[in-house]
Protein backbone atom coordinates (compact mmCIF):
# COMPACT_ATOMS: atom_id res chain seq x y z
CA PRO A 1 0.00 0.00 0.00
CA LYS A 2 1.18 3.51 -0.76
CA GLU A 3 2.11 6.11 1.81
CA GLU A 4 -0.19 9.08 2.13
CA GLY A 5 0.65 11.84 -0.28
CA ILE A 6 3.06 9.85 -2.45
CA GLY A 7 2.80 10.95 -6.05
CA ASN A 8 1.83 14.50 -5.11
CA PRO A 9 3.88 16.68 -7.49
CA LYS A 10 4.47 19.78 -5.34
CA PRO A 11 4.40 22.67 -5.70
CA LEU A 12 1.11 22.49 -7.57
CA LYS A 13 -0.09 25.25 -9.80
CA PRO A 14 -2.41 27.27 -7.51
CA THR A 15 -6.11 26.85 -8.07
CA LYS A 16 -8.14 30.00 -8.47
CA ARG A 17 -11.60 31.10 -7.48
CA ILE A 18 -13.53 34.24 -8.37
CA GLU A 19 -14.61 36.62 -5.65
CA SER A 20 -16.72 39.72 -5.84
CA SER A 21 -15.22 43.00 -4.59
CA SER A 22 -16.77 44.40 -1.41
CA ASP A 23 -16.09 48.15 -1.82
CA ASP A 24 -19.45 49.74 -1.02
CA GLU A 25 -18.30 53.24 -2.02
CA ASP A 26 -17.88 52.45 -5.66
CA ASP A 27 -20.75 50.81 -7.58
CA GLU A 28 -18.45 49.83 -10.40
CA GLU A 29 -16.06 48.07 -8.06
CA GLU A 30 -18.97 46.10 -6.61
CA GLU A 31 -19.55 44.61 -10.03
CA GLU A 32 -15.91 43.78 -10.65
CA GLN A 33 -14.48 40.35 -9.99
CA GLU A 34 -10.98 39.63 -8.79
CA LEU A 35 -9.00 36.43 -8.78
CA GLU A 36 -7.84 35.19 -5.42
CA THR A 37 -5.17 32.53 -5.38
CA VAL A 38 -5.91 29.64 -3.07
CA GLN A 39 -3.20 27.03 -2.47
CA ALA A 40 -4.62 23.53 -2.34
CA ASP A 41 -2.44 20.49 -1.71
CA PHE A 42 -3.71 17.17 -3.01
CA GLY A 43 -2.62 13.73 -1.89
CA PHE A 44 -2.87 10.17 -3.20
CA PHE A 45 -4.43 7.63 -0.84
CA ASP A 46 -5.46 3.99 -0.77
CA PRO A 47 -9.23 3.66 -1.26
CA LYS A 48 -11.27 2.84 1.84
CA PRO A 49 -14.94 2.18 2.66
CA GLY A 50 -15.40 5.73 3.92
CA ASP A 51 -14.88 6.94 0.33
CA PHE A 52 -18.14 5.27 -0.74
CA HIS A 53 -20.35 8.31 -1.35
CA GLY A 54 -17.56 10.38 -2.91
CA ALA A 55 -16.66 7.53 -5.27
CA LYS A 56 -20.31 6.92 -6.13
CA LEU A 57 -20.66 10.58 -7.03
CA LEU A 58 -17.65 10.35 -9.35
CA LEU A 59 -18.97 7.19 -11.01
CA GLN A 60 -22.67 8.04 -11.16
CA SER A 61 -22.73 8.43 -14.96
CA TYR A 62 -20.08 5.79 -15.72
CA LEU A 63 -22.61 3.73 -17.69
CA ASP A 64 -24.63 6.71 -18.93
CA ASN A 65 -28.12 6.60 -17.37
CA GLU A 66 -28.24 2.80 -17.33
CA PRO A 67 -29.84 1.34 -14.18
CA TRP A 68 -27.22 -1.02 -12.74
CA ASP A 69 -25.58 -2.07 -9.50
CA LEU A 70 -23.46 1.06 -9.11
CA SER A 71 -23.15 0.57 -5.35
CA GLY A 72 -21.75 -2.91 -5.88
CA PHE A 73 -19.29 -1.55 -8.44
CA VAL A 74 -18.11 1.16 -6.03
CA ASP A 75 -17.59 -1.52 -3.38
CA LEU A 76 -15.38 -3.52 -5.77
CA VAL A 77 -13.29 -0.45 -6.52
CA LEU A 78 -12.85 0.54 -2.88
CA ASN A 79 -12.18 -2.97 -1.57
CA GLN A 80 -9.27 -3.50 -3.97
CA THR A 81 -6.67 -1.54 -2.03
CA THR A 82 -3.44 -3.01 -3.42
CA VAL A 83 -4.20 -1.52 -6.85
CA GLY A 84 -6.16 1.69 -6.86
CA THR A 85 -5.81 5.31 -5.77
CA VAL A 86 -8.12 8.09 -4.69
CA VAL A 87 -7.24 11.78 -4.84
CA ARG A 88 -8.32 14.09 -2.09
CA LEU A 89 -7.18 17.22 -0.34
CA ASP A 90 -4.08 16.57 1.71
CA GLY A 91 -4.63 16.80 5.43
CA TYR A 92 -7.78 14.69 5.31
CA ASP A 93 -8.37 13.06 8.70
CA ASP A 94 -8.20 9.32 8.12
CA ASP A 95 -9.69 8.79 11.55
CA ASN A 96 -12.89 10.43 10.37
CA GLU A 97 -14.53 7.13 9.54
CA GLY A 98 -17.96 6.29 10.81
CA ASP A 99 -20.04 3.18 10.88
CA GLY A 100 -22.77 4.20 8.48
CA ASP A 101 -24.07 2.12 5.60
CA ASN A 102 -21.48 1.07 3.01
CA GLY A 103 -18.74 2.53 5.16
CA SER A 104 -20.05 6.05 4.93
CA SER A 105 -18.71 8.37 7.58
CA GLY A 106 -21.47 10.87 7.10
CA GLY A 107 -18.68 13.46 7.00
CA ASP A 108 -17.13 15.45 4.18
CA ASP A 109 -15.88 12.57 2.04
CA ASP A 110 -17.99 13.74 -0.90
CA GLU A 111 -16.25 17.08 -0.85
CA ASP A 112 -12.76 15.70 -0.21
CA LEU A 113 -12.69 13.16 -3.05
CA TYR A 114 -11.52 14.62 -6.36
CA GLY A 115 -10.55 11.57 -8.38
CA ILE A 116 -10.23 7.81 -8.47
CA VAL A 117 -8.31 5.34 -10.63
CA THR A 118 -8.07 1.56 -10.56
CA ALA A 119 -7.89 -1.56 -12.74
CA LEU A 120 -10.24 -4.49 -12.16
CA ASN A 121 -9.67 -7.95 -13.60
CA LEU A 122 -12.81 -8.85 -15.54
CA LYS A 123 -12.47 -12.58 -14.84
CA ARG A 124 -11.80 -12.20 -11.12
CA TYR A 125 -14.99 -10.21 -10.62
CA ALA A 126 -17.04 -11.90 -13.37
CA GLU A 127 -19.71 -13.27 -11.03
CA HIS A 128 -20.52 -9.91 -9.48
CA LYS A 129 -23.83 -8.45 -10.60
CA CYS A 130 -22.30 -5.08 -11.51
CA ILE A 131 -19.72 -6.65 -13.85
CA LYS A 132 -22.35 -8.80 -15.54
CA GLU A 133 -24.46 -5.68 -16.09
CA LEU A 134 -21.46 -3.70 -17.33
CA LYS A 135 -20.68 -6.38 -19.93
CA LYS A 136 -24.30 -6.49 -21.05
CA PHE A 137 -24.33 -2.69 -21.37
CA LEU A 138 -21.18 -2.61 -23.51
CA LEU A 139 -22.43 -5.32 -25.85
CA GLY A 140 -25.73 -3.48 -26.15
CA VAL A 141 -24.23 -0.13 -27.16
CA CYS A 142 -21.74 -1.65 -29.64
CA ARG A 143 -23.50 -1.48 -33.02
CA ASP A 144 -20.80 -2.71 -35.38
CA GLU A 145 -20.97 -6.50 -35.61
CA ASN A 146 -17.26 -7.03 -36.26
CA THR A 147 -16.34 -4.84 -33.30
CA LYS A 148 -18.93 -6.61 -31.16
CA LYS A 149 -17.26 -9.96 -31.91
CA LYS A 150 -13.92 -8.59 -30.69
CA LEU A 151 -15.61 -7.09 -27.64
CA LYS A 152 -17.37 -10.36 -26.80
CA LEU A 153 -14.08 -12.24 -27.09
CA LEU A 154 -12.42 -9.72 -24.79
CA LEU A 155 -15.19 -9.90 -22.19
CA GLU A 156 -15.40 -13.68 -22.15
CA GLU A 157 -12.54 -15.89 -23.36
CA GLN A 158 -9.84 -13.28 -22.75
CA ALA A 159 -11.36 -11.81 -19.56
CA SER A 160 -8.67 -13.21 -17.24
CA GLN A 161 -6.08 -11.00 -18.96
CA VAL A 162 -8.19 -7.85 -19.27
CA GLY A 163 -8.12 -4.98 -16.82
CA LEU A 164 -11.09 -2.63 -16.70
CA LEU A 165 -9.27 0.68 -16.27
CA VAL A 166 -11.56 2.99 -14.31
CA SER A 167 -10.52 6.63 -14.12
CA GLN A 168 -12.88 9.38 -13.05
CA ARG A 169 -12.15 12.81 -11.62
CA PHE A 170 -13.79 16.18 -11.21
CA VAL A 171 -12.84 19.04 -13.51
CA ASN A 172 -11.25 20.96 -10.64
CA CYS A 173 -8.74 18.18 -10.03
CA PRO A 174 -5.42 19.72 -11.22
CA TYR A 175 -4.24 18.27 -14.50
CA GLN A 176 -0.65 18.19 -13.20
CA LEU A 177 -1.76 15.25 -11.05
CA VAL A 178 -2.71 13.10 -14.03
CA PRO A 179 0.71 11.66 -15.02
CA PRO A 180 1.73 10.71 -11.45
CA LEU A 181 -1.75 9.30 -10.87
CA TYR A 182 -1.33 6.89 -13.78
CA ASP A 183 2.27 6.19 -12.75
CA ALA A 184 0.94 5.14 -9.34
CA LEU A 185 -1.65 2.86 -10.96
CA PHE A 186 0.68 1.07 -13.34
CA ASP A 187 3.43 0.78 -10.72
CA GLU A 188 0.95 -0.85 -8.36
CA VAL A 189 -0.17 -3.28 -11.07
CA SER A 190 3.46 -4.27 -11.58
CA TRP A 191 4.08 -4.65 -7.84
CA ALA A 192 0.91 -6.71 -7.41
CA THR A 193 2.21 -9.34 -9.84
CA GLU A 194 5.01 -9.98 -7.34
CA ASP A 195 3.63 -9.01 -3.94
CA GLU A 196 0.11 -10.42 -3.80
CA PRO A 197 -0.12 -13.35 -1.33
CA THR A 198 -1.32 -16.03 -3.76
CA GLN A 199 -0.37 -17.05 -7.28
CA GLU A 200 -3.97 -16.60 -8.38
CA LEU A 201 -4.03 -13.00 -7.19
CA ARG A 202 -0.61 -12.27 -8.68
CA ASP A 203 -1.74 -13.66 -12.02
CA SER A 204 -4.93 -11.58 -11.91
CA PHE A 205 -2.84 -8.44 -12.40
CA ARG A 206 -0.85 -9.79 -15.37
CA PHE A 207 -2.95 -7.84 -17.83
CA LYS A 208 -2.46 -8.09 -21.56
CA SER A 209 -5.11 -5.48 -22.40
CA TYR A 210 -6.90 -2.60 -20.74
CA LEU A 211 -10.53 -1.75 -21.44
CA LEU A 212 -11.63 1.84 -20.91
CA ILE A 213 -15.01 3.55 -20.94
CA SER A 214 -14.86 7.30 -21.31
CA ARG A 215 -16.54 10.40 -22.78
CA ILE A 216 -15.68 12.70 -25.67
CA TYR A 217 -17.30 15.57 -27.54
CA GLU A 218 -17.95 14.74 -31.17
CA ARG A 219 -18.96 17.24 -33.80
CA ASP A 220 -22.70 17.10 -34.34
CA PRO A 221 -23.28 16.80 -38.11
CA ASN A 222 -26.81 18.13 -37.66
CA LYS A 223 -25.61 21.50 -36.38
CA PRO A 224 -23.87 24.15 -38.49
CA LYS A 225 -20.56 25.61 -37.42
CA GLY A 226 -21.01 28.57 -35.12
CA LYS A 227 -18.93 31.69 -35.45
CA ARG A 228 -18.15 31.76 -31.76
CA SER A 229 -17.36 28.10 -31.35
CA VAL A 230 -13.77 27.26 -30.48
CA ASN A 231 -12.03 24.18 -31.82
CA GLN A 232 -14.73 24.03 -34.45
CA ASP A 233 -12.36 22.37 -36.90
CA GLU A 234 -11.72 19.50 -34.51
CA PRO A 235 -13.92 16.44 -35.13
CA VAL A 236 -13.34 15.25 -31.55
CA ILE A 237 -12.70 17.12 -28.28
CA TYR A 238 -11.29 14.99 -25.47
CA ILE A 239 -12.71 15.74 -22.03
CA LYS A 240 -9.71 14.10 -20.35
CA ALA A 241 -6.29 14.73 -21.87
CA GLU A 242 -5.14 11.14 -21.40
CA ASP A 243 -7.98 9.78 -23.54
CA GLU A 244 -6.38 11.33 -26.61
CA VAL A 245 -3.23 9.31 -25.89
CA PHE A 246 -5.21 6.16 -25.13
CA HIS A 247 -7.10 6.56 -28.41
CA GLU A 248 -3.88 7.04 -30.35
CA LEU A 249 -2.49 3.80 -28.89
CA SER A 250 -5.71 1.77 -28.97
CA THR A 251 -5.95 -1.43 -30.98
CA TRP A 252 -9.65 -0.78 -31.57
CA SER A 253 -12.43 1.44 -30.26
CA PHE A 254 -16.02 2.50 -30.78
CA THR A 255 -18.34 5.29 -29.72
CA PHE A 256 -21.97 5.30 -28.63
CA PRO A 257 -24.60 7.99 -27.92
CA VAL A 258 -25.18 8.98 -24.31
CA HIS A 259 -28.63 9.79 -23.01
CA ALA A 260 -27.98 11.26 -19.58
CA GLU A 261 -28.56 15.01 -19.44
CA GLN A 262 -25.30 16.90 -19.81
CA LEU A 263 -24.40 20.57 -19.53
CA VAL A 264 -22.57 21.42 -22.74
CA PRO A 265 -20.32 24.52 -22.64
CA ASP A 266 -21.38 27.34 -24.96
CA ASN A 267 -18.21 27.02 -26.99
CA LEU A 268 -19.05 23.36 -27.67
CA LYS A 269 -22.68 23.86 -28.62
CA ASN A 270 -22.01 22.34 -32.05
CA TYR A 271 -20.76 19.15 -30.44
CA ARG A 272 -22.51 16.26 -28.79
CA GLN A 273 -21.22 14.16 -25.95
CA MET A 274 -20.54 10.53 -26.81
CA GLY A 275 -19.40 7.48 -24.90
CA GLN A 276 -16.14 5.95 -26.06
CA VAL A 277 -14.81 2.44 -25.47
CA LEU A 278 -11.10 1.82 -26.00
CA VAL A 279 -8.85 -1.22 -25.85
CA VAL A 280 -5.15 -0.67 -25.25
CA LYS A 281 -2.43 -3.32 -25.09
CA ALA A 282 -0.63 -3.49 -21.75
CA ASP A 283 2.65 -3.54 -23.69
CA ASP A 284 1.89 0.01 -24.80
CA VAL A 285 1.64 1.38 -21.25
CA PRO A 286 5.26 2.68 -21.24
CA LYS A 287 4.50 4.64 -24.42
CA PHE A 288 1.33 5.96 -22.82
CA ARG A 289 3.17 7.18 -19.73
CA GLU A 290 5.76 9.05 -21.76
CA LYS A 291 3.27 10.57 -24.18
CA LEU A 292 1.00 11.68 -21.32
CA LYS A 293 3.85 13.42 -19.53
CA SER A 294 4.83 15.23 -22.72
CA LEU A 295 1.24 16.26 -23.38
CA VAL A 296 0.70 17.65 -19.88
CA ALA A 297 4.09 19.41 -19.91
CA ALA A 298 3.18 21.10 -23.19
CA GLU A 299 -0.05 22.42 -21.69
CA SER A 300 1.60 23.71 -18.50
């Protein structure tokens, strides 16, 4: 298990919030907004039951608006502590754990949790209701028959060597955390192949492929280009920077329409949000790590 705060690349770029001026003598100043720098330190932690509600909030639209055993899925993610990381504000009191349902502390976990990443072996957890429902969902939204055959093979015969890579975070989670967050994940996967107590568990982390479910913005062919739209020449806008790298390295992928209500930014009004499923070879993880670091460094 990792030490608290490991992987925290300090100093972080300060986050900013907007505050209204409070000068009552000047009406114009009352309407002005000023930026106040607020230093926030984030840490990486092992998942624990007290993260239940925060994790559920992060994963609530993981399968679009599909009714499924989300609570059971969150439990799987949080109970696998040797591989998996949550991001929250550093200084969180680990003793603040209660005895509520599903490990909920009834405290501020929802507010403290900013991101989560893990990799679940599809064969190891195959008999869990949530994984059965997840597989059924993926096969249902895959419309291309050839791709569906590959997906079915991946979910069934090859499941013992497939890791479901789950990565969700809020938009206010600093992007500088993304490379070390994935470094932590893939390092833990490597360590687990040597350190887990049984051969069966060690083998369960010897992934050959990773399966990812994510979101993108795709240009809506039914809407004309708007004069004020940014990136209007881009056919795809990636919500998470790493998904562009994953897509570049993927052996195959497909997209599907999402039905859950989404707030689309004004500058993306000519785009529609789509689900995206990607399959990446585990052998390409080193390339992914290097490309992600370069991408984030270029945006800094």
